[in-house]
Amino acid sequence: MRGRHSSRCDTGRARAGAAVRLAVLPLALILGACSGSTSPGGAVYTAEQVSCALFSRDDAAAVLGVPAAAIRATAEELYAGNWDCGFNGGGPDRLVGFNITLSPGVEEAAVDMARYRSHLETASGTRPFREGLAEGAYSEVDGLGDEALWTAVNGTLAVRQGNLSLQIRLPKDRDVQVGMARRILAPL
């Protein structure tokens, strides 16, 4: 049995509801078209766009101060979307090392970066680092990717650009690492 409203009243409500939905639909479509899918800043890169080849032997030679011909390059895809890249210019003090990771999306990469910050904060409170980190666990690096930080905890630069994360381990010089990151990200 029907409620207290007549079928004529229910039909009127259905029409009014449909009219409101139709009136709102164009606005929703316009707003949807104007908003991008790269929310926390950045593009979504693919494996075809990213590899260790973003940094060449010549780039490594300039960093290490040795001829490009003297450099041995290594590139290993550790798993889908993660590459370990290295350049050896002839000894333990002549090394370049970095890692590139592609997350499925920008949001996942941003969450990973936030998690890394949290881990650095935790590490900075442990005995080996507690008094030795005058500038704190990490410092932000402005103007590099969507977000970047350098840490004295392990002497690395971490950069996120879109869904790409870059961690430069070697050499340990912050300014050199920033220059390397700019070179790696430039073609993207």
C-alpha atoms as a PDB file:
ATOM      1  CA  MET A   1       0.000   0.000   0.000  1.00  0.00           C
ATOM      2  CA  ARG A   2       1.242   3.495  -0.771  1.00  0.00           C
ATOM      3  CA  GLY A   3       2.018   6.070   1.867  1.00  0.00           C
ATOM      4  CA  ARG A   4       0.090   9.238   2.594  1.00  0.00           C
ATOM      5  CA  HIS A   5       1.033  10.878  -0.721  1.00  0.00           C
ATOM      6  CA  SER A   6      -0.946  10.361  -3.853  1.00  0.00           C
ATOM      7  CA  SER A   7       0.690   8.988  -6.988  1.00  0.00           C
ATOM      8  CA  ARG A   8       0.168  12.381  -8.583  1.00  0.00           C
ATOM      9  CA  CYS A   9       2.290  14.004  -5.856  1.00  0.00           C
ATOM     10  CA  ASP A  10       5.019  11.330  -6.169  1.00  0.00           C
ATOM     11  CA  THR A  11       5.195  11.867  -9.935  1.00  0.00           C
ATOM     12  CA  GLY A  12       5.606  15.607  -9.390  1.00  0.00           C
ATOM     13  CA  ARG A  13       8.486  15.024  -6.961  1.00  0.00           C
ATOM     14  CA  ALA A  14      10.196  12.665  -9.395  1.00  0.00           C
ATOM     15  CA  ARG A  15       9.968  15.275 -12.162  1.00  0.00           C
ATOM     16  CA  ALA A  16      11.307  18.008  -9.874  1.00  0.00           C
ATOM     17  CA  GLY A  17      14.212  15.789  -8.772  1.00  0.00           C
ATOM     18  CA  ALA A  18      15.060  14.935 -12.359  1.00  0.00           C
ATOM     19  CA  ALA A  19      14.936  18.608 -13.329  1.00  0.00           C
ATOM     20  CA  VAL A  20      17.367  19.534 -10.543  1.00  0.00           C
ATOM     21  CA  ARG A  21      19.752  16.727 -11.555  1.00  0.00           C
ATOM     22  CA  LEU A  22      19.642  17.837 -15.186  1.00  0.00           C
ATOM     23  CA  ALA A  23      20.271  21.458 -14.207  1.00  0.00           C
ATOM     24  CA  VAL A  24      23.306  20.456 -12.087  1.00  0.00           C
ATOM     25  CA  LEU A  25      24.752  18.029 -14.668  1.00  0.00           C
ATOM     26  CA  PRO A  26      26.288  20.677 -17.007  1.00  0.00           C
ATOM     27  CA  LEU A  27      27.949  22.384 -14.032  1.00  0.00           C
ATOM     28  CA  ALA A  28      29.362  19.072 -12.831  1.00  0.00           C
ATOM     29  CA  LEU A  29      30.667  18.276 -16.320  1.00  0.00           C
ATOM     30  CA  ILE A  30      32.324  21.692 -16.638  1.00  0.00           C
ATOM     31  CA  LEU A  31      33.948  21.432 -13.210  1.00  0.00           C
ATOM     32  CA  GLY A  32      35.085  17.899 -13.946  1.00  0.00           C
ATOM     33  CA  ALA A  33      36.648  18.936 -17.240  1.00  0.00           C
ATOM     34  CA  CYS A  34      38.479  21.842 -15.607  1.00  0.00           C
ATOM     35  CA  SER A  35      39.998  19.801 -12.812  1.00  0.00           C
ATOM     36  CA  GLY A  36      43.054  17.748 -13.732  1.00  0.00           C
ATOM     37  CA  SER A  37      43.894  14.292 -12.474  1.00  0.00           C
ATOM     38  CA  THR A  38      47.279  15.358 -11.128  1.00  0.00           C
ATOM     39  CA  SER A  39      46.040  16.510  -7.724  1.00  0.00           C
ATOM     40  CA  PRO A  40      49.048  16.865  -5.367  1.00  0.00           C
ATOM     41  CA  GLY A  41      51.078  18.464  -8.106  1.00  0.00           C
ATOM     42  CA  GLY A  42      52.549  16.750 -11.072  1.00  0.00           C
ATOM     43  CA  ALA A  43      52.294  14.582 -14.086  1.00  0.00           C
ATOM     44  CA  VAL A  44      52.033  10.828 -14.328  1.00  0.00           C
ATOM     45  CA  TYR A  45      55.097   9.355 -16.051  1.00  0.00           C
ATOM     46  CA  THR A  46      55.429   5.924 -17.651  1.00  0.00           C
ATOM     47  CA  ALA A  47      58.310   3.460 -17.818  1.00  0.00           C
ATOM     48  CA  GLU A  48      58.803   4.466 -21.461  1.00  0.00           C
ATOM     49  CA  GLN A  49      59.657   8.022 -20.329  1.00  0.00           C
ATOM     50  CA  VAL A  50      61.867   7.158 -17.378  1.00  0.00           C
ATOM     51  CA  SER A  51      65.079   5.168 -16.981  1.00  0.00           C
ATOM     52  CA  CYS A  52      68.696   5.490 -15.896  1.00  0.00           C
ATOM     53  CA  ALA A  53      69.387   6.929 -19.368  1.00  0.00           C
ATOM     54  CA  LEU A  54      68.097  10.303 -18.083  1.00  0.00           C
ATOM     55  CA  PHE A  55      71.655  10.720 -16.717  1.00  0.00           C
ATOM     56  CA  SER A  56      74.465   9.867 -19.140  1.00  0.00           C
ATOM     57  CA  ARG A  57      78.129   8.891 -18.868  1.00  0.00           C
ATOM     58  CA  ASP A  58      78.959  12.451 -19.945  1.00  0.00           C
ATOM     59  CA  ASP A  59      76.810  13.803 -17.087  1.00  0.00           C
ATOM     60  CA  ALA A  60      78.600  11.506 -14.636  1.00  0.00           C
ATOM     61  CA  ALA A  61      81.995  12.508 -16.050  1.00  0.00           C
ATOM     62  CA  ALA A  62      81.213  16.158 -15.369  1.00  0.00           C
ATOM     63  CA  VAL A  63      80.263  15.332 -11.764  1.00  0.00           C
ATOM     64  CA  LEU A  64      83.235  13.054 -11.100  1.00  0.00           C
ATOM     65  CA  GLY A  65      85.897  14.979 -13.013  1.00  0.00           C
ATOM     66  CA  VAL A  66      87.021  12.010 -15.108  1.00  0.00           C
ATOM     67  CA  PRO A  67      86.727  11.253 -18.838  1.00  0.00           C
ATOM     68  CA  ALA A  68      83.436   9.660 -19.897  1.00  0.00           C
ATOM     69  CA  ALA A  69      85.348   6.735 -21.403  1.00  0.00           C
ATOM     70  CA  ALA A  70      86.685   5.881 -17.929  1.00  0.00           C
ATOM     71  CA  ILE A  71      83.215   5.495 -16.436  1.00  0.00           C
ATOM     72  CA  ARG A  72      81.447   2.182 -16.020  1.00  0.00           C
ATOM     73  CA  ALA A  73      77.675   2.567 -15.984  1.00  0.00           C
ATOM     74  CA  THR A  74      75.235   0.148 -14.385  1.00  0.00           C
ATOM     75  CA  ALA A  75      71.466   0.149 -14.614  1.00  0.00           C
ATOM     76  CA  GLU A  76      69.264  -2.432 -13.004  1.00  0.00           C
ATOM     77  CA  GLU A  77      65.492  -2.584 -12.929  1.00  0.00           C
ATOM     78  CA  LEU A  78      65.000  -3.938  -9.421  1.00  0.00           C
ATOM     79  CA  TYR A  79      61.289  -4.445 -10.008  1.00  0.00           C
ATOM     80  CA  ALA A  80      58.666  -2.953 -12.315  1.00  0.00           C
ATOM     81  CA  GLY A  81      58.945   0.816 -12.038  1.00  0.00           C
ATOM     82  CA  ASN A  82      62.131   0.913  -9.920  1.00  0.00           C
ATOM     83  CA  TRP A  83      65.635   1.414 -11.296  1.00  0.00           C
ATOM     84  CA  ASP A  84      68.995   1.511  -9.519  1.00  0.00           C
ATOM     85  CA  CYS A  85      71.487   3.592 -11.514  1.00  0.00           C
ATOM     86  CA  GLY A  86      75.219   3.811 -10.945  1.00  0.00           C
ATOM     87  CA  PHE A  87      78.369   5.238 -12.468  1.00  0.00           C
ATOM     88  CA  ASN A  88      81.867   4.246 -11.344  1.00  0.00           C
ATOM     89  CA  GLY A  89      84.698   6.573 -12.329  1.00  0.00           C
ATOM     90  CA  GLY A  90      87.460   4.371 -10.937  1.00  0.00           C
ATOM     91  CA  GLY A  91      87.223   4.107  -7.170  1.00  0.00           C
ATOM     92  CA  PRO A  92      85.127   4.463  -4.038  1.00  0.00           C
ATOM     93  CA  ASP A  93      85.402   8.260  -4.073  1.00  0.00           C
ATOM     94  CA  ARG A  94      84.350   8.473  -7.734  1.00  0.00           C
ATOM     95  CA  LEU A  95      80.810   7.123  -7.624  1.00  0.00           C
ATOM     96  CA  VAL A  96      77.402   8.391  -8.708  1.00  0.00           C
ATOM     97  CA  GLY A  97      74.368   6.494  -7.461  1.00  0.00           C
ATOM     98  CA  PHE A  98      70.653   7.143  -7.598  1.00  0.00           C
ATOM     99  CA  ASN A  99      67.325   5.370  -7.637  1.00  0.00           C
ATOM    100  CA  ILE A 100      64.220   6.169  -9.695  1.00  0.00           C
ATOM    101  CA  THR A 101      60.791   4.875  -8.689  1.00  0.00           C
ATOM    102  CA  LEU A 102      57.471   5.265 -10.485  1.00  0.00           C
ATOM    103  CA  SER A 103      54.422   5.035  -8.259  1.00  0.00           C
ATOM    104  CA  PRO A 104      51.051   4.089  -9.784  1.00  0.00           C
ATOM    105  CA  GLY A 105      49.836   7.661  -9.292  1.00  0.00           C
ATOM    106  CA  VAL A 106      50.747  11.095  -7.976  1.00  0.00           C
ATOM    107  CA  GLU A 107      48.880  10.567  -4.706  1.00  0.00           C
ATOM    108  CA  GLU A 108      50.815   7.379  -3.915  1.00  0.00           C
ATOM    109  CA  ALA A 109      54.139   9.121  -4.582  1.00  0.00           C
ATOM    110  CA  ALA A 110      53.124  12.044  -2.335  1.00  0.00           C
ATOM    111  CA  VAL A 111      52.179   9.611   0.453  1.00  0.00           C
ATOM    112  CA  ASP A 112      55.549   7.853   0.063  1.00  0.00           C
ATOM    113  CA  MET A 113      57.349  11.197   0.380  1.00  0.00           C
ATOM    114  CA  ALA A 114      55.390  12.054   3.535  1.00  0.00           C
ATOM    115  CA  ARG A 115      56.229   8.622   4.948  1.00  0.00           C
ATOM    116  CA  TYR A 116      59.930   9.216   4.175  1.00  0.00           C
ATOM    117  CA  ARG A 117      59.811  12.524   6.092  1.00  0.00           C
ATOM    118  CA  SER A 118      58.267  10.705   9.053  1.00  0.00           C
ATOM    119  CA  HIS A 119      60.972   7.997   8.964  1.00  0.00           C
ATOM    120  CA  LEU A 120      63.689  10.672   8.893  1.00  0.00           C
ATOM    121  CA  GLU A 121      62.124  12.363  11.929  1.00  0.00           C
ATOM    122  CA  THR A 122      62.165   9.031  13.748  1.00  0.00           C
ATOM    123  CA  ALA A 123      65.769   8.310  12.750  1.00  0.00           C
ATOM    124  CA  SER A 124      66.913  11.765  13.828  1.00  0.00           C
ATOM    125  CA  GLY A 125      65.773  11.006  17.372  1.00  0.00           C
ATOM    126  CA  THR A 126      67.986   7.949  17.679  1.00  0.00           C
ATOM    127  CA  ARG A 127      71.359   7.996  19.438  1.00  0.00           C
ATOM    128  CA  PRO A 128      73.682   8.255  16.398  1.00  0.00           C
ATOM    129  CA  PHE A 129      71.889  11.355  15.098  1.00  0.00           C
ATOM    130  CA  ARG A 130      70.301  13.025  18.129  1.00  0.00           C
ATOM    131  CA  GLU A 131      72.976  15.688  18.682  1.00  0.00           C
ATOM    132  CA  GLY A 132      74.619  15.675  15.260  1.00  0.00           C
ATOM    133  CA  LEU A 133      71.801  17.136  13.172  1.00  0.00           C
ATOM    134  CA  ALA A 134      72.009  20.877  13.741  1.00  0.00           C
ATOM    135  CA  GLU A 135      69.499  21.573  10.923  1.00  0.00           C
ATOM    136  CA  GLY A 136      67.072  18.836  11.942  1.00  0.00           C
ATOM    137  CA  ALA A 137      66.161  15.578  10.249  1.00  0.00           C
ATOM    138  CA  TYR A 138      65.891  17.156   6.803  1.00  0.00           C
ATOM    139  CA  SER A 139      65.663  20.455   4.985  1.00  0.00           C
ATOM    140  CA  GLU A 140      63.288  21.317   2.159  1.00  0.00           C
ATOM    141  CA  VAL A 141      64.839  22.103  -1.225  1.00  0.00           C
ATOM    142  CA  ASP A 142      62.766  24.737  -2.993  1.00  0.00           C
ATOM    143  CA  GLY A 143      62.289  24.895  -6.756  1.00  0.00           C
ATOM    144  CA  LEU A 144      63.059  21.249  -7.453  1.00  0.00           C
ATOM    145  CA  GLY A 145      60.297  18.951  -8.679  1.00  0.00           C
ATOM    146  CA  ASP A 146      56.959  19.129  -6.884  1.00  0.00           C
ATOM    147  CA  GLU A 147      58.719  18.618  -3.554  1.00  0.00           C
ATOM    148  CA  ALA A 148      62.283  17.857  -2.530  1.00  0.00           C
ATOM    149  CA  LEU A 149      64.291  17.409   0.641  1.00  0.00           C
ATOM    150  CA  TRP A 150      67.883  16.771   1.612  1.00  0.00           C
ATOM    151  CA  THR A 151      68.841  14.891   4.750  1.00  0.00           C
ATOM    152  CA  ALA A 152      72.052  14.576   6.709  1.00  0.00           C
ATOM    153  CA  VAL A 153      70.686  11.352   8.236  1.00  0.00           C
ATOM    154  CA  ASN A 154      71.944   9.438   5.193  1.00  0.00           C
ATOM    155  CA  GLY A 155      73.293  12.260   2.998  1.00  0.00           C
ATOM    156  CA  THR A 156      70.688  11.875   0.264  1.00  0.00           C
ATOM    157  CA  LEU A 157      68.454  14.086  -1.808  1.00  0.00           C
ATOM    158  CA  ALA A 158      64.872  12.903  -2.342  1.00  0.00           C
ATOM    159  CA  VAL A 159      62.738  14.512  -5.043  1.00  0.00           C
ATOM    160  CA  ARG A 160      59.157  13.874  -6.138  1.00  0.00           C
ATOM    161  CA  GLN A 161      57.902  15.089  -9.480  1.00  0.00           C
ATOM    162  CA  GLY A 162      54.433  13.797 -10.249  1.00  0.00           C
ATOM    163  CA  ASN A 163      54.467  10.057  -9.690  1.00  0.00           C
ATOM    164  CA  LEU A 164      58.257   9.879 -10.075  1.00  0.00           C
ATOM    165  CA  SER A 165      60.494   9.694  -7.021  1.00  0.00           C
ATOM    166  CA  LEU A 166      64.230  10.212  -7.296  1.00  0.00           C
ATOM    167  CA  GLN A 167      66.731   9.509  -4.534  1.00  0.00           C
ATOM    168  CA  ILE A 168      70.343  10.526  -5.115  1.00  0.00           C
ATOM    169  CA  ARG A 169      72.792   8.733  -2.796  1.00  0.00           C
ATOM    170  CA  LEU A 170      76.201   9.513  -4.278  1.00  0.00           C
ATOM    171  CA  PRO A 171      78.144  11.705  -4.265  1.00  0.00           C
ATOM    172  CA  LYS A 172      77.223  12.977  -0.807  1.00  0.00           C
ATOM    173  CA  ASP A 173      77.540  16.701  -1.668  1.00  0.00           C
ATOM    174  CA  ARG A 174      74.118  18.398  -1.441  1.00  0.00           C
ATOM    175  CA  ASP A 175      74.781  20.984  -4.168  1.00  0.00           C
ATOM    176  CA  VAL A 176      76.081  18.325  -6.566  1.00  0.00           C
ATOM    177  CA  GLN A 177      73.006  16.195  -5.861  1.00  0.00           C
ATOM    178  CA  VAL A 178      70.687  19.131  -6.581  1.00  0.00           C
ATOM    179  CA  GLY A 179      72.475  19.742  -9.904  1.00  0.00           C
ATOM    180  CA  MET A 180      72.159  16.058 -10.790  1.00  0.00           C
ATOM    181  CA  ALA A 181      68.444  16.086  -9.983  1.00  0.00           C
ATOM    182  CA  ARG A 182      67.905  19.114 -12.223  1.00  0.00           C
ATOM    183  CA  ARG A 183      69.716  17.322 -15.055  1.00  0.00           C
ATOM    184  CA  ILE A 184      67.722  14.092 -14.588  1.00  0.00           C
ATOM    185  CA  LEU A 185      64.358  15.873 -14.434  1.00  0.00           C
ATOM    186  CA  ALA A 186      65.060  18.372 -17.258  1.00  0.00           C
ATOM    187  CA  PRO A 187      63.782  16.218 -20.166  1.00  0.00           C
ATOM    188  CA  LEU A 188      60.575  15.378 -18.333  1.00  0.00           C
END
